[in-house]
């Protein structure tokens, strides 16, 4: 299996690099505190040669969502 990395731009995780399991992934939804962050892929893969190091995909911040916040019994 080829090692791949997702480089995150903007938003709360700007500058972070995380493992990317699927090279075809176009969107990442990342748990963050009591919510989640959405990053969308932009551009082509880089470092795809045999001696270039890990393949990288660039992901840009789209929005934060509150889907992980539990709803009370109001």
N, C-alpha and C. Protein backbone atom coordinates (compact mmCIF):
# COMPACT_ATOMS: atom_id res chain seq x y z
N UNK A 1 0.84 -1.18 0.00
CA UNK A 1 0.00 0.00 0.00
C UNK A 1 0.89 1.24 0.00
N UNK A 2 0.52 2.22 -0.79
CA UNK A 2 1.26 3.47 -0.88
C UNK A 2 0.87 4.39 0.27
N UNK A 3 1.86 4.97 0.91
CA UNK A 3 1.57 5.93 1.97
C UNK A 3 1.14 7.24 1.34
N UNK A 4 0.06 7.82 1.88
CA UNK A 4 -0.42 9.10 1.37
C UNK A 4 -0.76 10.01 2.53
N UNK A 5 -0.62 11.31 2.29
CA UNK A 5 -0.88 12.31 3.32
C UNK A 5 -1.87 13.35 2.80
N UNK A 6 -2.69 13.85 3.71
CA UNK A 6 -3.58 14.96 3.42
C UNK A 6 -3.03 16.19 4.12
N UNK A 7 -2.74 17.22 3.36
CA UNK A 7 -2.26 18.48 3.92
C UNK A 7 -3.44 19.44 4.01
N UNK A 8 -3.76 19.90 5.24
CA UNK A 8 -4.94 20.72 5.48
C UNK A 8 -4.60 22.21 5.44
N UNK A 9 -5.47 22.98 4.78
CA UNK A 9 -5.28 24.42 4.63
C UNK A 9 -6.47 25.17 5.20
N UNK A 10 -6.16 26.25 5.90
CA UNK A 10 -7.15 27.14 6.52
C UNK A 10 -7.93 26.41 7.61
N UNK A 11 -8.84 27.12 8.23
CA UNK A 11 -9.63 26.54 9.31
C UNK A 11 -8.80 26.24 10.53
N UNK A 12 -9.40 25.60 11.52
CA UNK A 12 -8.70 25.33 12.79
C UNK A 12 -7.51 24.39 12.66
N UNK A 13 -7.46 23.57 11.62
CA UNK A 13 -6.38 22.60 11.47
C UNK A 13 -5.36 23.02 10.40
N UNK A 14 -5.30 24.31 10.09
CA UNK A 14 -4.39 24.81 9.08
C UNK A 14 -2.96 24.35 9.34
N UNK A 15 -2.34 23.79 8.31
CA UNK A 15 -0.95 23.36 8.42
C UNK A 15 -0.78 21.93 8.91
N UNK A 16 -1.84 21.28 9.35
CA UNK A 16 -1.74 19.90 9.83
C UNK A 16 -1.62 18.94 8.65
N UNK A 17 -0.93 17.85 8.89
CA UNK A 17 -0.79 16.79 7.90
C UNK A 17 -1.27 15.51 8.56
N UNK A 18 -2.22 14.83 7.91
CA UNK A 18 -2.78 13.59 8.47
C UNK A 18 -2.70 12.48 7.43
N UNK A 19 -2.71 11.22 7.88
CA UNK A 19 -2.70 10.10 6.92
C UNK A 19 -3.96 10.12 6.05
N UNK A 20 -3.81 9.76 4.80
CA UNK A 20 -4.92 9.67 3.87
C UNK A 20 -5.03 8.23 3.41
N UNK A 21 -6.12 7.57 3.77
CA UNK A 21 -6.28 6.15 3.47
C UNK A 21 -6.69 5.90 2.02
N UNK A 22 -7.46 6.79 1.43
CA UNK A 22 -7.99 6.60 0.08
C UNK A 22 -7.53 7.74 -0.82
N UNK A 23 -6.72 7.44 -1.82
CA UNK A 23 -6.21 8.47 -2.72
C UNK A 23 -7.31 9.14 -3.54
N UNK A 24 -8.47 8.52 -3.64
CA UNK A 24 -9.59 9.08 -4.40
C UNK A 24 -10.48 9.97 -3.56
N UNK A 25 -10.22 10.05 -2.27
CA UNK A 25 -11.05 10.84 -1.35
C UNK A 25 -11.12 12.30 -1.79
N UNK A 26 -12.35 12.83 -1.87
CA UNK A 26 -12.55 14.21 -2.29
C UNK A 26 -12.97 15.13 -1.14
N UNK A 27 -13.36 14.52 -0.02
CA UNK A 27 -13.87 15.28 1.11
C UNK A 27 -13.48 14.57 2.40
N UNK A 28 -13.03 15.34 3.37
CA UNK A 28 -12.71 14.79 4.68
C UNK A 28 -13.63 15.42 5.71
N UNK A 29 -14.21 14.60 6.57
CA UNK A 29 -14.99 15.09 7.70
C UNK A 29 -14.23 14.65 8.93
N UNK A 30 -13.72 15.61 9.69
CA UNK A 30 -12.81 15.34 10.79
C UNK A 30 -13.45 15.76 12.11
N UNK A 31 -13.53 14.83 13.08
CA UNK A 31 -14.04 15.22 14.40
C UNK A 31 -13.15 16.30 15.00
N UNK A 32 -13.77 17.29 15.62
CA UNK A 32 -13.02 18.39 16.21
C UNK A 32 -13.80 18.91 17.41
N UNK A 33 -13.28 18.71 18.59
CA UNK A 33 -13.94 19.12 19.82
C UNK A 33 -15.33 18.50 19.85
N UNK A 34 -16.37 19.29 20.02
CA UNK A 34 -17.74 18.76 20.08
C UNK A 34 -18.45 18.93 18.73
N UNK A 35 -17.69 19.13 17.66
CA UNK A 35 -18.29 19.27 16.33
C UNK A 35 -17.44 18.52 15.33
N UNK A 36 -17.55 18.88 14.07
CA UNK A 36 -16.70 18.29 13.04
C UNK A 36 -16.37 19.34 11.99
N UNK A 37 -15.25 19.12 11.32
CA UNK A 37 -14.77 20.04 10.29
C UNK A 37 -14.83 19.35 8.94
N UNK A 38 -15.15 20.12 7.91
CA UNK A 38 -15.22 19.58 6.56
C UNK A 38 -14.13 20.24 5.72
N UNK A 39 -13.32 19.40 5.07
CA UNK A 39 -12.27 19.86 4.16
C UNK A 39 -12.52 19.22 2.80
N UNK A 40 -12.34 19.99 1.72
CA UNK A 40 -12.53 19.49 0.36
C UNK A 40 -11.19 19.49 -0.37
N UNK A 41 -11.00 18.47 -1.17
CA UNK A 41 -9.76 18.33 -1.92
C UNK A 41 -9.71 19.32 -3.08
N UNK A 42 -8.53 19.85 -3.33
CA UNK A 42 -8.30 20.77 -4.45
C UNK A 42 -6.98 20.42 -5.10
N UNK A 43 -6.97 20.37 -6.40
CA UNK A 43 -5.72 20.12 -7.12
C UNK A 43 -5.42 18.64 -7.29
N UNK A 44 -4.29 18.41 -7.92
CA UNK A 44 -3.85 17.05 -8.21
C UNK A 44 -2.95 16.51 -7.10
N UNK A 45 -2.76 15.21 -7.08
CA UNK A 45 -1.83 14.59 -6.15
C UNK A 45 -0.41 15.05 -6.49
N UNK A 46 0.42 15.21 -5.47
CA UNK A 46 1.83 15.54 -5.67
C UNK A 46 2.69 14.43 -5.07
N UNK A 47 3.95 14.44 -5.43
CA UNK A 47 4.90 13.43 -4.94
C UNK A 47 4.44 12.02 -5.31
N UNK A 48 4.11 11.83 -6.58
CA UNK A 48 3.59 10.53 -7.02
C UNK A 48 4.66 9.61 -7.59
N UNK A 49 5.89 10.10 -7.69
CA UNK A 49 6.97 9.27 -8.22
C UNK A 49 7.49 8.28 -7.20
N UNK A 50 8.24 7.28 -7.64
CA UNK A 50 8.73 6.24 -6.74
C UNK A 50 9.73 6.74 -5.70
N UNK A 51 10.41 7.86 -5.97
CA UNK A 51 11.42 8.38 -5.05
C UNK A 51 11.07 9.76 -4.49
N UNK A 52 9.79 10.15 -4.57
CA UNK A 52 9.35 11.48 -4.14
C UNK A 52 8.94 11.56 -2.67
N UNK A 53 8.89 10.45 -1.98
CA UNK A 53 8.35 10.46 -0.63
C UNK A 53 6.85 10.18 -0.68
N UNK A 54 6.15 10.41 0.43
CA UNK A 54 4.71 10.11 0.46
C UNK A 54 3.91 10.97 -0.51
N UNK A 55 2.93 10.36 -1.15
CA UNK A 55 2.01 11.09 -2.01
C UNK A 55 1.21 12.06 -1.15
N UNK A 56 0.95 13.27 -1.67
CA UNK A 56 0.19 14.27 -0.91
C UNK A 56 -1.01 14.76 -1.70
N UNK A 57 -2.09 15.02 -0.96
CA UNK A 57 -3.28 15.67 -1.50
C UNK A 57 -3.54 16.91 -0.65
N UNK A 58 -3.96 17.97 -1.30
CA UNK A 58 -4.25 19.23 -0.61
C UNK A 58 -5.74 19.32 -0.32
N UNK A 59 -6.09 19.62 0.92
CA UNK A 59 -7.49 19.76 1.31
C UNK A 59 -7.69 21.14 1.94
N UNK A 60 -8.75 21.83 1.51
CA UNK A 60 -9.04 23.18 1.97
C UNK A 60 -10.29 23.18 2.82
N UNK A 61 -10.27 23.97 3.89
CA UNK A 61 -11.38 24.08 4.83
C UNK A 61 -12.64 24.59 4.14
N UNK A 62 -13.77 23.91 4.38
CA UNK A 62 -15.05 24.31 3.82
C UNK A 62 -15.94 24.89 4.91
N UNK A 63 -16.13 24.12 5.99
CA UNK A 63 -17.03 24.57 7.06
C UNK A 63 -16.88 23.70 8.29
N UNK A 64 -17.42 24.20 9.39
CA UNK A 64 -17.55 23.43 10.61
C UNK A 64 -19.00 23.06 10.79
N UNK A 65 -19.27 21.86 11.25
CA UNK A 65 -20.63 21.40 11.47
C UNK A 65 -20.78 20.97 12.92
N UNK A 66 -21.98 21.09 13.44
CA UNK A 66 -22.25 20.73 14.83
C UNK A 66 -22.97 19.39 14.95
N UNK A 67 -22.80 18.50 13.98
CA UNK A 67 -23.53 17.23 13.98
C UNK A 67 -23.19 16.32 15.16
N UNK A 68 -22.04 16.52 15.78
CA UNK A 68 -21.63 15.64 16.87
C UNK A 68 -22.12 16.13 18.23
N UNK A 69 -22.78 17.25 18.28
CA UNK A 69 -23.28 17.79 19.54
C UNK A 69 -24.55 17.04 19.92
N UNK A 70 -24.56 16.37 21.10
CA UNK A 70 -25.75 15.61 21.49
C UNK A 70 -26.92 16.55 21.79
N UNK A 71 -28.10 16.11 21.42
CA UNK A 71 -29.30 16.90 21.67
C UNK A 71 -29.90 16.47 23.01
N UNK A 72 -30.31 17.44 23.80
CA UNK A 72 -30.89 17.15 25.10
C UNK A 72 -32.32 16.68 25.00
N UNK A 73 -32.87 16.25 26.10
CA UNK A 73 -34.26 15.81 26.16
C UNK A 73 -35.14 16.96 26.60
N UNK A 74 -35.23 17.98 25.77
CA UNK A 74 -36.02 19.17 26.12
C UNK A 74 -37.50 18.91 26.01
